[in-house]
């Protein structure tokens, strides 16, 4: 079975290798809400979007707040990923909520996550 994964995402094993961490540490960070991950249908491991990291491969400081808001809103990890990857507004605007997150517009992203439906 083929798994459809976004090109801007890394598997847990690749992310662990990139960060010089053990895969178990990456999993613990995901469970603790320090990283955003999703699991495509048919996949056996989680995938981590690279937009949640800064240029030094540190998670953006807003990630734990975004994950907490999503959990309070009852969003699954896959739904949170879909919300953050949704295109904004007009078709000509290729930006996503994840792009706003990288720009530091955390309040706007938090509001969108809180109002998203599971």
N, C-alpha and C. Protein backbone atom coordinates (compact mmCIF):
# COMPACT_ATOMS: atom_id res chain seq x y z
N UNK A 1 0.84 -1.18 0.00
CA UNK A 1 0.00 0.00 0.00
C UNK A 1 0.88 1.24 0.00
N UNK A 2 0.56 2.19 -0.84
CA UNK A 2 1.29 3.44 -0.94
C UNK A 2 0.72 4.44 0.05
N UNK A 3 1.61 5.17 0.70
CA UNK A 3 1.20 6.18 1.67
C UNK A 3 1.47 7.55 1.06
N UNK A 4 0.46 8.41 1.06
CA UNK A 4 0.57 9.75 0.51
C UNK A 4 1.01 10.72 1.61
N UNK A 5 2.23 11.24 1.49
CA UNK A 5 2.79 12.12 2.51
C UNK A 5 3.20 13.44 1.85
N UNK A 6 2.93 14.53 2.54
CA UNK A 6 3.31 15.85 2.04
C UNK A 6 4.83 15.92 1.88
N UNK A 7 5.29 16.56 0.81
CA UNK A 7 6.73 16.64 0.56
C UNK A 7 7.50 17.45 1.61
N UNK A 8 6.79 18.26 2.39
CA UNK A 8 7.47 19.07 3.40
C UNK A 8 7.40 18.42 4.79
N UNK A 9 7.30 17.10 4.82
CA UNK A 9 7.22 16.37 6.08
C UNK A 9 8.28 15.28 6.13
N UNK A 10 8.75 15.00 7.35
CA UNK A 10 9.75 13.96 7.56
C UNK A 10 9.16 12.87 8.43
N UNK A 11 9.52 11.63 8.14
CA UNK A 11 9.11 10.53 9.00
C UNK A 11 9.81 10.69 10.35
N UNK A 12 9.28 10.02 11.33
CA UNK A 12 9.88 10.09 12.67
C UNK A 12 11.33 9.64 12.63
N UNK A 13 11.61 8.59 11.88
CA UNK A 13 12.99 8.10 11.82
C UNK A 13 13.92 9.10 11.15
N UNK A 14 13.45 9.74 10.07
CA UNK A 14 14.28 10.75 9.41
C UNK A 14 14.47 11.98 10.29
N UNK A 15 13.41 12.39 10.98
CA UNK A 15 13.53 13.55 11.86
C UNK A 15 14.50 13.25 13.00
N UNK A 16 14.41 12.08 13.58
CA UNK A 16 15.33 11.70 14.66
C UNK A 16 16.76 11.76 14.17
N UNK A 17 16.99 11.26 12.98
CA UNK A 17 18.34 11.30 12.41
C UNK A 17 18.78 12.74 12.18
N UNK A 18 17.90 13.58 11.64
CA UNK A 18 18.22 14.98 11.35
C UNK A 18 18.54 15.75 12.63
N UNK A 19 17.81 15.46 13.71
CA UNK A 19 18.01 16.17 14.97
C UNK A 19 19.06 15.54 15.85
N UNK A 20 19.54 14.35 15.48
CA UNK A 20 20.51 13.65 16.32
C UNK A 20 19.88 13.13 17.60
N UNK A 21 18.62 12.76 17.52
CA UNK A 21 17.88 12.26 18.68
C UNK A 21 17.50 10.80 18.45
N UNK A 22 17.14 10.13 19.50
CA UNK A 22 16.60 8.79 19.39
C UNK A 22 15.14 8.89 18.94
N UNK A 23 14.67 7.95 18.12
CA UNK A 23 13.26 7.99 17.71
C UNK A 23 12.29 8.02 18.89
N UNK A 24 12.64 7.36 19.97
CA UNK A 24 11.78 7.37 21.15
C UNK A 24 11.63 8.77 21.74
N UNK A 25 12.67 9.57 21.65
CA UNK A 25 12.62 10.96 22.14
C UNK A 25 11.69 11.80 21.28
N UNK A 26 11.72 11.57 19.97
CA UNK A 26 10.82 12.28 19.06
C UNK A 26 9.37 11.93 19.39
N UNK A 27 9.12 10.65 19.61
CA UNK A 27 7.77 10.19 19.98
C UNK A 27 7.32 10.81 21.30
N UNK A 28 8.22 10.88 22.27
CA UNK A 28 7.89 11.48 23.56
C UNK A 28 7.56 12.96 23.40
N UNK A 29 8.29 13.65 22.55
CA UNK A 29 8.02 15.07 22.29
C UNK A 29 6.65 15.25 21.64
N UNK A 30 6.29 14.35 20.74
CA UNK A 30 4.97 14.42 20.10
C UNK A 30 3.87 14.21 21.14
N UNK A 31 4.02 13.18 21.95
CA UNK A 31 2.99 12.89 22.96
C UNK A 31 2.88 14.03 23.97
N UNK A 32 3.99 14.69 24.28
CA UNK A 32 3.98 15.80 25.24
C UNK A 32 3.46 17.10 24.63
N UNK A 33 3.18 17.10 23.33
CA UNK A 33 2.67 18.31 22.68
C UNK A 33 3.75 19.29 22.29
N UNK A 34 4.99 18.82 22.21
CA UNK A 34 6.10 19.68 21.82
C UNK A 34 6.32 19.69 20.31
N UNK A 35 5.72 18.73 19.60
CA UNK A 35 5.84 18.64 18.15
C UNK A 35 4.47 18.30 17.56
N UNK A 36 4.25 18.77 16.35
CA UNK A 36 3.04 18.43 15.60
C UNK A 36 3.39 17.30 14.65
N UNK A 37 2.54 16.29 14.64
CA UNK A 37 2.73 15.15 13.75
C UNK A 37 1.39 14.67 13.25
N UNK A 38 1.42 13.92 12.19
CA UNK A 38 0.21 13.29 11.66
C UNK A 38 0.59 11.90 11.17
N UNK A 39 -0.42 11.06 11.05
CA UNK A 39 -0.19 9.71 10.55
C UNK A 39 -1.14 9.47 9.38
N UNK A 40 -0.58 9.45 8.15
CA UNK A 40 -1.43 9.19 6.99
C UNK A 40 -2.05 7.80 7.06
N UNK A 41 -3.20 7.66 6.42
CA UNK A 41 -3.85 6.36 6.37
C UNK A 41 -2.90 5.34 5.76
N UNK A 42 -2.76 4.21 6.44
CA UNK A 42 -1.90 3.14 5.96
C UNK A 42 -0.45 3.24 6.42
N UNK A 43 -0.09 4.33 7.08
CA UNK A 43 1.29 4.52 7.56
C UNK A 43 1.44 3.90 8.94
N UNK A 44 2.63 3.44 9.24
CA UNK A 44 2.89 2.87 10.56
C UNK A 44 3.63 3.84 11.47
N UNK A 45 4.10 4.96 10.92
CA UNK A 45 4.76 5.94 11.77
C UNK A 45 4.22 7.34 11.51
N UNK A 46 4.50 8.22 12.44
CA UNK A 46 4.07 9.61 12.31
C UNK A 46 5.01 10.36 11.38
N UNK A 47 4.49 11.44 10.82
CA UNK A 47 5.28 12.34 9.98
C UNK A 47 5.19 13.73 10.58
N UNK A 48 6.29 14.47 10.46
CA UNK A 48 6.44 15.76 11.12
C UNK A 48 6.67 16.85 10.07
N UNK A 49 5.76 17.82 9.98
CA UNK A 49 5.96 18.90 9.00
C UNK A 49 7.17 19.75 9.37
N UNK A 50 7.97 20.07 8.38
CA UNK A 50 9.19 20.83 8.64
C UNK A 50 8.92 22.30 8.96
N UNK A 51 7.72 22.80 8.62
CA UNK A 51 7.43 24.20 8.91
C UNK A 51 7.35 24.50 10.40
N UNK A 52 7.32 23.49 11.24
CA UNK A 52 7.25 23.74 12.69
C UNK A 52 8.62 23.97 13.32
N UNK A 53 9.66 23.96 12.49
CA UNK A 53 11.03 24.15 12.98
C UNK A 53 11.60 25.46 12.46
N UNK A 54 12.47 26.07 13.27
CA UNK A 54 13.16 27.27 12.80
C UNK A 54 14.37 26.86 11.95
N UNK A 55 15.18 27.82 11.58
CA UNK A 55 16.33 27.54 10.72
C UNK A 55 17.40 26.70 11.40
N UNK A 56 17.35 26.62 12.71
CA UNK A 56 18.31 25.81 13.48
C UNK A 56 17.72 24.45 13.85
N UNK A 57 16.57 24.12 13.30
CA UNK A 57 15.86 22.86 13.55
C UNK A 57 15.36 22.74 14.98
N UNK A 58 15.03 23.89 15.58
CA UNK A 58 14.37 23.89 16.89
C UNK A 58 12.88 24.08 16.64
N UNK A 59 12.03 23.39 17.41
CA UNK A 59 10.59 23.62 17.26
C UNK A 59 10.26 25.08 17.56
N UNK A 60 9.34 25.65 16.79
CA UNK A 60 8.92 27.02 17.05
C UNK A 60 8.34 27.10 18.46
N UNK A 61 8.58 28.18 19.18
CA UNK A 61 8.10 28.29 20.57
C UNK A 61 6.59 28.22 20.69
N UNK A 62 5.86 28.53 19.64
CA UNK A 62 4.39 28.52 19.69
C UNK A 62 3.80 27.13 19.54
N UNK A 63 4.57 26.13 19.15
CA UNK A 63 4.02 24.80 18.88
C UNK A 63 3.28 24.22 20.09
N UNK A 64 3.84 24.23 21.30
CA UNK A 64 3.09 23.66 22.43
C UNK A 64 1.74 24.34 22.66
N UNK A 65 1.66 25.66 22.48
CA UNK A 65 0.38 26.36 22.66
C UNK A 65 -0.62 25.96 21.57
N UNK A 66 -0.15 25.78 20.36
CA UNK A 66 -1.03 25.37 19.27
C UNK A 66 -1.56 23.96 19.54
N UNK A 67 -0.69 23.06 19.97
CA UNK A 67 -1.11 21.68 20.25
C UNK A 67 -2.10 21.65 21.42
N UNK A 68 -1.84 22.42 22.47
CA UNK A 68 -2.77 22.48 23.61
C UNK A 68 -4.14 22.97 23.16
N UNK A 69 -4.17 24.01 22.35
CA UNK A 69 -5.45 24.54 21.86
C UNK A 69 -6.18 23.50 21.02
N UNK A 70 -5.45 22.78 20.20
CA UNK A 70 -6.07 21.74 19.36
C UNK A 70 -6.64 20.62 20.22
N UNK A 71 -5.90 20.21 21.22
CA UNK A 71 -6.39 19.15 22.11
C UNK A 71 -7.63 19.60 22.86
N UNK A 72 -7.63 20.84 23.33
CA UNK A 72 -8.82 21.36 24.04
C UNK A 72 -10.02 21.43 23.11
N UNK A 73 -9.78 21.70 21.83
CA UNK A 73 -10.86 21.78 20.85
C UNK A 73 -11.30 20.40 20.35
N UNK A 74 -10.60 19.36 20.80
CA UNK A 74 -10.96 18.01 20.40
C UNK A 74 -10.46 17.61 19.03
N UNK A 75 -9.44 18.32 18.53
CA UNK A 75 -8.91 17.99 17.21
C UNK A 75 -7.91 16.84 17.30
N UNK A 76 -8.00 15.91 16.39
CA UNK A 76 -7.00 14.85 16.30
C UNK A 76 -5.72 15.44 15.71
N UNK A 77 -4.63 14.70 15.80
CA UNK A 77 -3.38 15.17 15.21
C UNK A 77 -3.53 15.38 13.70
N UNK A 78 -4.22 14.46 13.05
CA UNK A 78 -4.40 14.58 11.60
C UNK A 78 -5.26 15.79 11.25
N UNK A 79 -6.28 16.07 12.06
CA UNK A 79 -7.12 17.24 11.80
C UNK A 79 -6.35 18.53 12.03
N UNK A 80 -5.52 18.58 13.07
CA UNK A 80 -4.70 19.76 13.32
C UNK A 80 -3.78 20.01 12.13
N UNK A 81 -3.14 18.96 11.64
CA UNK A 81 -2.27 19.09 10.48
C UNK A 81 -3.05 19.63 9.28
N UNK A 82 -4.25 19.11 9.05
CA UNK A 82 -5.07 19.57 7.93
C UNK A 82 -5.44 21.05 8.09
N UNK A 83 -5.80 21.44 9.30
CA UNK A 83 -6.16 22.85 9.56
C UNK A 83 -4.96 23.75 9.28
N UNK A 84 -3.81 23.39 9.77
CA UNK A 84 -2.62 24.23 9.59
C UNK A 84 -2.13 24.27 8.15
N UNK A 85 -2.45 23.25 7.37
CA UNK A 85 -2.05 23.22 5.96
C UNK A 85 -3.10 23.79 5.03
N UNK A 86 -4.25 24.17 5.57
CA UNK A 86 -5.31 24.73 4.73
C UNK A 86 -4.86 26.06 4.13
N UNK A 87 -5.19 26.25 2.88
CA UNK A 87 -4.87 27.50 2.19
C UNK A 87 -5.76 28.62 2.74
N UNK A 88 -5.21 29.80 2.77
CA UNK A 88 -5.94 30.97 3.26
C UNK A 88 -6.68 31.64 2.11
N UNK A 89 -7.86 32.04 2.36
CA UNK A 89 -8.61 32.90 1.45
C UNK A 89 -8.67 32.50 0.00
N UNK A 90 -8.29 33.44 -0.84
CA UNK A 90 -8.42 33.30 -2.29
C UNK A 90 -7.48 32.22 -2.84
N UNK A 91 -7.87 31.68 -3.97
CA UNK A 91 -7.06 30.65 -4.61
C UNK A 91 -5.68 31.16 -5.00
N UNK A 92 -5.59 32.45 -5.30
CA UNK A 92 -4.30 33.02 -5.69
C UNK A 92 -3.34 33.09 -4.52
N UNK A 93 -3.88 33.09 -3.32
CA UNK A 93 -3.05 33.15 -2.11
C UNK A 93 -2.65 31.74 -1.74
N UNK A 94 -1.40 31.40 -1.92
CA UNK A 94 -0.91 30.05 -1.67
C UNK A 94 -0.47 29.86 -0.22
N UNK A 95 -0.65 30.89 0.59
CA UNK A 95 -0.22 30.77 1.98
C UNK A 95 -1.17 29.90 2.78
N UNK A 96 -0.61 29.30 3.84
CA UNK A 96 -1.36 28.44 4.73
C UNK A 96 -1.29 29.01 6.14
N UNK A 97 -2.11 28.47 7.03
CA UNK A 97 -2.01 28.87 8.44
C UNK A 97 -0.60 28.59 8.97
N UNK A 98 0.01 27.51 8.52
CA UNK A 98 1.37 27.19 8.94
C UNK A 98 2.34 28.32 8.58
N UNK A 99 2.11 28.98 7.45
CA UNK A 99 2.96 30.11 7.06
C UNK A 99 2.79 31.27 8.03
N UNK A 100 1.56 31.49 8.47
CA UNK A 100 1.32 32.55 9.47
C UNK A 100 2.01 32.21 10.78
N UNK A 101 2.01 30.94 11.12
CA UNK A 101 2.68 30.49 12.34
C UNK A 101 4.17 30.81 12.26
N UNK A 102 4.78 30.53 11.13
CA UNK A 102 6.21 30.83 10.94
C UNK A 102 6.48 32.33 10.96
N UNK A 103 5.49 33.12 10.57
CA UNK A 103 5.63 34.58 10.58
C UNK A 103 5.43 35.17 11.97
N UNK A 104 5.08 34.33 12.94
CA UNK A 104 4.88 34.81 14.30
C UNK A 104 3.46 35.28 14.59
N UNK A 105 2.51 34.96 13.73
CA UNK A 105 1.13 35.39 13.93
C UNK A 105 0.36 34.33 14.69
N UNK A 106 0.88 33.99 15.84
CA UNK A 106 0.35 32.92 16.68
C UNK A 106 -1.11 33.16 17.07
N UNK A 107 -1.48 34.38 17.42
CA UNK A 107 -2.85 34.65 17.86
C UNK A 107 -3.86 34.29 16.77
N UNK A 108 -3.55 34.63 15.53
CA UNK A 108 -4.44 34.32 14.42
C UNK A 108 -4.57 32.80 14.25
N UNK A 109 -3.46 32.10 14.35
CA UNK A 109 -3.45 30.64 14.20
C UNK A 109 -4.20 29.99 15.35
N UNK A 110 -3.97 30.46 16.57
CA UNK A 110 -4.69 29.92 17.73
C UNK A 110 -6.20 30.07 17.57
N UNK A 111 -6.64 31.21 17.11
CA UNK A 111 -8.07 31.44 16.91
C UNK A 111 -8.64 30.47 15.87
N UNK A 112 -7.91 30.25 14.80
CA UNK A 112 -8.37 29.32 13.75
C UNK A 112 -8.42 27.89 14.28
N UNK A 113 -7.44 27.51 15.09
CA UNK A 113 -7.42 26.17 15.64
C UNK A 113 -8.57 25.99 16.62
N UNK A 114 -8.79 26.98 17.46
CA UNK A 114 -9.88 26.89 18.43
C UNK A 114 -11.25 26.79 17.78
N UNK A 115 -11.40 27.41 16.63
CA UNK A 115 -12.71 27.41 15.96
C UNK A 115 -12.86 26.27 14.95
N UNK A 116 -11.82 25.49 14.75
CA UNK A 116 -11.90 24.36 13.80
C UNK A 116 -12.78 23.26 14.36
N UNK A 117 -13.40 22.56 13.48
CA UNK A 117 -14.26 21.45 13.88
C UNK A 117 -13.51 20.15 13.69
N UNK A 118 -13.75 19.20 14.60
CA UNK A 118 -13.10 17.90 14.46
C UNK A 118 -13.82 17.04 13.45
